[in-house]
N, C-alpha and C. Protein backbone atom coordinates (compact mmCIF):
# COMPACT_ATOMS: atom_id res chain seq x y z
N UNK A 1 91.21 119.66 104.85
CA UNK A 1 91.44 118.68 106.35
C UNK A 1 92.13 119.28 106.82
N UNK A 2 92.14 118.65 108.39
CA UNK A 2 93.20 118.74 109.29
C UNK A 2 94.62 118.43 109.11
N UNK A 3 95.17 118.55 108.89
CA UNK A 3 96.48 118.71 109.42
C UNK A 3 97.00 116.40 110.11
N UNK A 4 95.81 116.69 111.22
CA UNK A 4 96.14 115.55 111.95
C UNK A 4 95.67 113.63 110.91
N UNK A 5 94.42 114.96 110.34
CA UNK A 5 94.28 113.56 109.10
C UNK A 5 94.91 113.35 107.86
N UNK A 6 95.89 114.21 107.00
CA UNK A 6 96.85 114.49 106.14
C UNK A 6 98.12 112.92 107.51
N UNK A 7 98.11 113.31 108.31
CA UNK A 7 99.42 112.17 108.58
C UNK A 7 98.56 110.70 108.44
N UNK A 8 97.24 110.90 109.52
CA UNK A 8 96.57 109.13 108.56
C UNK A 8 96.62 109.14 107.80
N UNK A 9 96.72 110.11 106.42
CA UNK A 9 96.29 109.37 104.93
C UNK A 9 97.60 109.16 104.48
N UNK A 10 98.89 109.81 105.26
CA UNK A 10 100.40 109.49 104.27
C UNK A 10 100.56 108.05 105.25
N UNK A 11 99.91 107.83 106.48
CA UNK A 11 100.81 106.96 107.06
C UNK A 11 99.81 105.57 107.11
N UNK A 12 99.21 105.55 105.87
CA UNK A 12 97.90 104.64 105.85
C UNK A 12 98.80 104.54 103.94
N UNK A 13 98.75 105.17 103.39
CA UNK A 13 99.89 105.16 102.15
C UNK A 13 100.76 104.80 102.05
N UNK A 14 102.03 104.74 103.54
CA UNK A 14 102.67 104.55 103.44
C UNK A 14 102.94 102.58 103.73
N UNK A 15 101.84 102.55 104.66
CA UNK A 15 101.88 100.84 105.05
C UNK A 15 101.13 99.84 104.13
N UNK A 16 99.80 101.04 102.90
CA UNK A 16 99.95 99.94 101.55
C UNK A 16 101.30 99.91 100.79
N UNK A 17 102.28 101.15 100.92
CA UNK A 17 103.42 100.76 99.95
C UNK A 17 104.45 99.99 100.42
N UNK A 18 104.47 99.69 101.78
CA UNK A 18 105.38 98.60 102.05
C UNK A 18 104.34 97.45 101.54
N UNK A 19 103.11 96.90 101.98
CA UNK A 19 102.76 95.72 101.82
C UNK A 19 102.10 95.55 100.73
N UNK A 20 102.20 96.33 99.49
CA UNK A 20 102.61 96.16 97.95
C UNK A 20 103.97 95.39 97.44
N UNK A 21 105.15 96.55 97.98
CA UNK A 21 106.32 96.38 97.58
C UNK A 21 106.68 94.59 98.39
N UNK A 22 106.07 94.36 99.52
CA UNK A 22 106.11 93.06 100.26
C UNK A 22 105.68 92.05 99.12
N UNK A 23 104.90 92.19 98.79
CA UNK A 23 103.92 91.43 97.70
C UNK A 23 104.78 91.15 96.65
N UNK A 24 105.13 91.86 95.99
CA UNK A 24 105.55 92.29 94.71
C UNK A 24 106.99 91.34 94.86
N UNK A 25 108.07 91.40 96.01
CA UNK A 25 109.54 91.08 95.83
C UNK A 25 109.51 89.71 96.61
N UNK A 26 108.39 89.33 97.31
CA UNK A 26 108.89 87.88 97.96
C UNK A 26 107.79 87.00 97.64
N UNK A 27 108.42 85.41 97.12
CA UNK A 27 107.93 84.44 96.78
C UNK A 27 107.58 83.26 97.16
N UNK A 28 107.63 83.50 98.77
CA UNK A 28 106.81 82.65 99.38
C UNK A 28 105.88 83.49 100.15
N UNK A 29 104.88 81.86 100.57
CA UNK A 29 103.44 82.19 100.14
C UNK A 29 102.95 83.01 101.92
N UNK A 30 103.69 82.05 102.92
CA UNK A 30 103.71 83.13 103.90
C UNK A 30 103.36 84.53 104.14
N UNK A 31 104.64 84.51 103.08
CA UNK A 31 105.08 86.14 103.30
C UNK A 31 104.17 87.23 102.63
N UNK A 32 103.51 86.40 101.41
CA UNK A 32 103.21 87.40 100.91
C UNK A 32 101.32 87.52 101.39
N UNK A 33 100.98 85.99 102.19
CA UNK A 33 99.30 86.53 103.04
C UNK A 33 99.79 87.83 103.49
N UNK A 34 100.67 87.86 105.03
CA UNK A 34 101.00 88.85 105.23
C UNK A 34 100.91 90.45 105.59
N UNK A 35 101.43 90.60 103.54
CA UNK A 35 102.06 91.57 103.60
C UNK A 35 100.35 92.23 102.46
N UNK A 36 99.53 91.07 102.12
CA UNK A 36 99.05 91.25 101.50
C UNK A 36 97.63 91.98 103.15
N UNK A 37 97.36 91.00 104.33
CA UNK A 37 97.10 91.75 105.22
C UNK A 37 97.23 93.18 105.60
N UNK A 38 98.78 92.91 105.52
CA UNK A 38 99.06 95.08 105.73
C UNK A 38 98.77 96.17 104.80
N UNK A 39 98.56 95.60 103.98
CA UNK A 39 98.03 96.44 102.78
C UNK A 39 95.91 96.37 103.27
N UNK A 40 95.96 95.45 103.69
CA UNK A 40 94.17 95.78 104.22
C UNK A 40 94.06 96.48 105.04
N UNK A 41 95.23 96.38 106.01
CA UNK A 41 95.40 97.62 107.76
C UNK A 41 95.81 98.82 107.08
N UNK A 42 96.31 99.23 105.76
CA UNK A 42 96.48 100.38 105.02
C UNK A 42 95.06 101.05 104.94
N UNK A 43 93.99 100.34 104.40
CA UNK A 43 93.60 100.32 103.71
C UNK A 43 92.34 101.02 104.56
N UNK A 44 92.16 99.75 105.76
CA UNK A 44 91.36 100.54 106.87
C UNK A 44 91.78 101.14 107.29
N UNK A 45 92.54 102.36 107.56
CA UNK A 45 93.27 102.96 108.30
C UNK A 45 92.34 104.80 107.45
N UNK A 46 92.71 104.64 106.09
CA UNK A 46 92.12 105.29 105.47
C UNK A 46 90.84 105.12 104.87
N UNK A 47 90.57 104.23 104.96
CA UNK A 47 89.18 104.87 105.30
C UNK A 47 88.17 105.32 106.51
N UNK A 48 88.93 105.18 108.15
CA UNK A 48 88.14 105.26 109.22
C UNK A 48 89.00 106.97 109.12
N UNK A 49 90.24 107.30 108.37
CA UNK A 49 90.48 108.46 108.43
C UNK A 49 89.26 109.75 107.79
N UNK A 50 89.12 108.98 106.28
CA UNK A 50 88.34 110.75 105.53
C UNK A 50 87.06 109.68 105.96
N UNK A 51 86.44 108.63 107.13
CA UNK A 51 84.92 108.98 107.62
C UNK A 51 85.12 109.87 108.95
N UNK A 52 86.05 110.18 108.97
CA UNK A 52 86.10 110.98 110.47
C UNK A 52 85.27 112.30 109.98
N UNK A 53 84.34 112.88 110.58
CA UNK A 53 83.63 114.03 110.81
C UNK A 53 84.84 115.49 110.77
N UNK A 54 84.93 116.07 109.84
CA UNK A 54 85.89 117.24 110.43
C UNK A 54 85.01 118.28 111.23
N UNK A 55 84.16 118.75 110.52
CA UNK A 55 83.14 119.42 110.67
C UNK A 55 82.30 119.52 112.24
N UNK A 56 81.97 117.55 112.07
CA UNK A 56 80.93 117.05 113.34
C UNK A 56 81.12 115.61 114.28
N UNK A 57 80.18 114.85 114.23
CA UNK A 57 80.50 113.62 114.97
C UNK A 57 81.49 112.62 113.69
N UNK A 58 81.67 112.31 113.87
CA UNK A 58 82.38 110.94 113.10
C UNK A 58 81.11 110.46 112.49
N UNK A 59 81.50 109.88 111.18
CA UNK A 59 79.91 109.31 110.41
C UNK A 59 80.22 107.42 110.76
N UNK A 60 78.99 106.81 111.31
CA UNK A 60 79.54 105.65 111.84
C UNK A 60 79.40 104.43 110.70
N UNK A 61 79.52 105.18 109.73
CA UNK A 61 78.55 104.14 108.35
C UNK A 61 80.43 102.69 108.17
N UNK A 62 81.07 104.74 107.91
CA UNK A 62 82.62 103.59 107.53
C UNK A 62 82.96 103.01 108.70
N UNK A 63 83.36 103.09 109.86
CA UNK A 63 83.63 102.27 111.03
C UNK A 63 83.09 101.33 111.52
N UNK A 64 81.51 101.12 110.85
CA UNK A 64 80.84 99.53 110.53
C UNK A 64 81.27 98.75 109.94
N UNK A 65 81.57 99.48 108.27
CA UNK A 65 82.63 98.72 107.24
C UNK A 65 83.80 98.50 107.06
N UNK A 66 84.60 99.10 108.69
CA UNK A 66 86.17 98.58 108.70
C UNK A 66 85.34 98.23 109.51
N UNK A 67 84.80 97.73 110.44
CA UNK A 67 84.65 95.96 111.25
C UNK A 67 84.01 95.43 110.68
N UNK A 68 83.48 94.80 109.81
CA UNK A 68 83.19 93.99 109.60
C UNK A 68 83.84 93.35 108.03
N UNK A 69 85.01 94.58 107.81
CA UNK A 69 85.67 93.94 106.67
C UNK A 69 87.43 93.34 107.70
N UNK A 70 87.64 94.00 108.70
CA UNK A 70 88.91 93.18 109.51
C UNK A 70 87.95 91.64 109.89
N UNK A 71 86.56 91.75 110.60
CA UNK A 71 86.22 89.66 110.60
C UNK A 71 86.45 89.32 109.79
N UNK A 72 86.07 90.05 107.88
CA UNK A 72 86.24 89.50 106.72
C UNK A 72 87.88 88.81 106.78
N UNK A 73 88.77 89.93 107.36
CA UNK A 73 89.50 89.41 106.72
C UNK A 73 90.50 88.22 107.33
N UNK A 74 90.14 88.54 108.54
CA UNK A 74 90.78 87.55 110.18
C UNK A 74 90.48 86.29 109.51
N UNK A 75 89.17 86.59 109.29
CA UNK A 75 88.56 84.10 108.14
C UNK A 75 89.22 84.26 107.28
N UNK A 76 89.00 85.54 106.47
CA UNK A 76 90.16 84.68 105.02
C UNK A 76 91.21 84.68 104.88
N UNK A 77 92.33 85.46 106.31
CA UNK A 77 93.51 84.64 106.45
C UNK A 77 93.92 83.74 107.53
N UNK A 78 92.67 83.25 108.19
CA UNK A 78 92.85 81.53 108.63
C UNK A 78 92.15 80.35 107.30
N UNK A 79 91.29 80.83 106.55
CA UNK A 79 91.55 79.87 105.40
C UNK A 79 92.67 80.18 104.68
N UNK A 80 92.50 80.78 104.43
CA UNK A 80 94.33 81.15 103.21
C UNK A 80 95.38 80.13 104.21
N UNK A 81 95.66 80.52 105.16
CA UNK A 81 96.38 79.19 106.31
C UNK A 81 96.08 77.82 106.66
N UNK A 82 95.34 77.42 106.17
CA UNK A 82 94.42 76.65 106.33
C UNK A 82 95.44 75.95 104.72
N UNK A 83 94.29 76.48 102.87
CA UNK A 83 95.28 75.89 102.28
C UNK A 83 97.11 75.61 102.28
N UNK A 84 97.22 77.00 102.71
CA UNK A 84 99.04 76.53 102.62
C UNK A 84 99.43 75.88 103.67
N UNK A 85 99.32 75.09 104.69
CA UNK A 85 99.22 74.03 105.26
C UNK A 85 98.85 72.91 104.48
N UNK A 86 97.86 72.60 103.55
CA UNK A 86 97.87 71.56 102.64
C UNK A 86 98.86 71.95 101.78
N UNK A 87 99.22 72.88 100.81
CA UNK A 87 99.85 73.24 100.06
C UNK A 87 101.50 73.01 100.43
N UNK A 88 101.61 72.56 101.75
CA UNK A 88 103.39 72.64 102.07
C UNK A 88 102.74 70.86 101.86
N UNK A 89 101.33 70.62 102.54
CA UNK A 89 102.40 69.07 102.69
C UNK A 89 102.21 68.30 101.43
N UNK A 90 101.30 68.96 100.11
CA UNK A 90 101.37 68.42 98.34
C UNK A 90 102.28 68.40 98.11
N UNK A 91 103.54 69.88 98.20
CA UNK A 91 104.28 70.58 97.60
C UNK A 91 105.52 69.94 98.28
N UNK A 92 105.80 70.92 99.78
CA UNK A 92 107.17 70.31 100.49
C UNK A 92 107.35 71.75 99.96
N UNK A 93 106.48 72.11 99.79
CA UNK A 93 107.79 74.12 99.37
C UNK A 93 106.80 75.22 99.81
N UNK A 94 106.79 76.22 100.62
CA UNK A 94 106.04 77.06 100.44
C UNK A 94 106.29 78.41 100.12
N UNK A 95 106.94 77.84 98.28
CA UNK A 95 107.03 78.84 97.04
C UNK A 95 106.28 78.62 96.47
N UNK A 96 105.50 79.99 95.20
CA UNK A 96 105.23 79.96 94.32
C UNK A 96 105.57 79.90 93.46
N UNK A 97 105.29 78.41 92.58
CA UNK A 97 105.55 78.05 91.04
C UNK A 97 105.17 77.97 90.42
N UNK A 98 104.60 78.23 88.80
CA UNK A 98 103.88 76.84 88.37
C UNK A 98 103.53 76.05 88.34
N UNK A 99 104.89 75.53 87.75
CA UNK A 99 105.21 73.85 87.80
C UNK A 99 104.77 72.90 88.72
N UNK A 100 105.16 73.62 89.60
CA UNK A 100 105.32 72.47 91.84
C UNK A 100 103.52 72.62 91.55
N UNK A 101 102.73 73.96 90.81
CA UNK A 101 101.49 74.15 91.57
C UNK A 101 100.93 72.34 90.91
N UNK A 102 101.53 72.47 89.28
CA UNK A 102 100.64 71.30 88.74
C UNK A 102 101.25 69.69 88.99
N UNK A 103 102.56 70.35 89.19
CA UNK A 103 102.83 69.17 89.66
C UNK A 103 102.28 68.18 91.04
N UNK A 104 102.08 69.39 91.56
CA UNK A 104 101.39 69.05 93.04
C UNK A 104 99.89 68.48 92.87
N UNK A 105 99.01 68.55 92.00
CA UNK A 105 97.38 68.68 91.72
C UNK A 105 97.45 67.12 91.51
N UNK A 106 98.56 67.58 90.09
CA UNK A 106 99.03 65.64 90.13
C UNK A 106 99.09 64.79 90.73
N UNK A 107 99.91 64.84 91.31
CA UNK A 107 100.21 63.50 92.39
C UNK A 107 99.51 64.31 93.31
N UNK A 108 98.72 64.62 93.62
CA UNK A 108 97.11 64.45 94.75
C UNK A 108 96.23 63.72 94.35
N UNK A 109 95.57 63.77 92.87
CA UNK A 109 94.98 63.43 91.67
C UNK A 109 95.40 61.50 92.06
N UNK A 110 96.80 61.23 92.00
CA UNK A 110 96.76 60.34 91.47
C UNK A 110 97.02 59.75 92.92
N UNK A 111 96.82 60.33 93.95
CA UNK A 111 96.83 59.65 95.29
C UNK A 111 95.89 59.28 95.38
N UNK A 112 94.95 59.82 95.09
CA UNK A 112 93.15 59.57 95.69
C UNK A 112 92.95 58.49 94.68
N UNK A 113 93.20 57.88 93.56
CA UNK A 113 92.34 57.20 92.75
C UNK A 113 93.61 55.64 93.09
């Protein structure tokens, strides 16, 4: 493995580690969503780095997989943001709490009846 690839692998590991730390520490849903996206960016960087051909031309399959993963990540993020807006309307909070989830769902079901 050439020295440039080692730098990219270490950078990908650092990005993933920062995202994992943020996911474990933060209790706000939006911050957790952002850290999940950061972890995905680290994984994408790792896949592109490992998919590059050191002896020849780069392999297009990992590049296509990463491009597909980026598209899926963007659509999943948009869906999660829509759910977050709905959650904030129901609960009035953007933090994760088990009791708050139960109360918000119960209130929403009671409003529909």
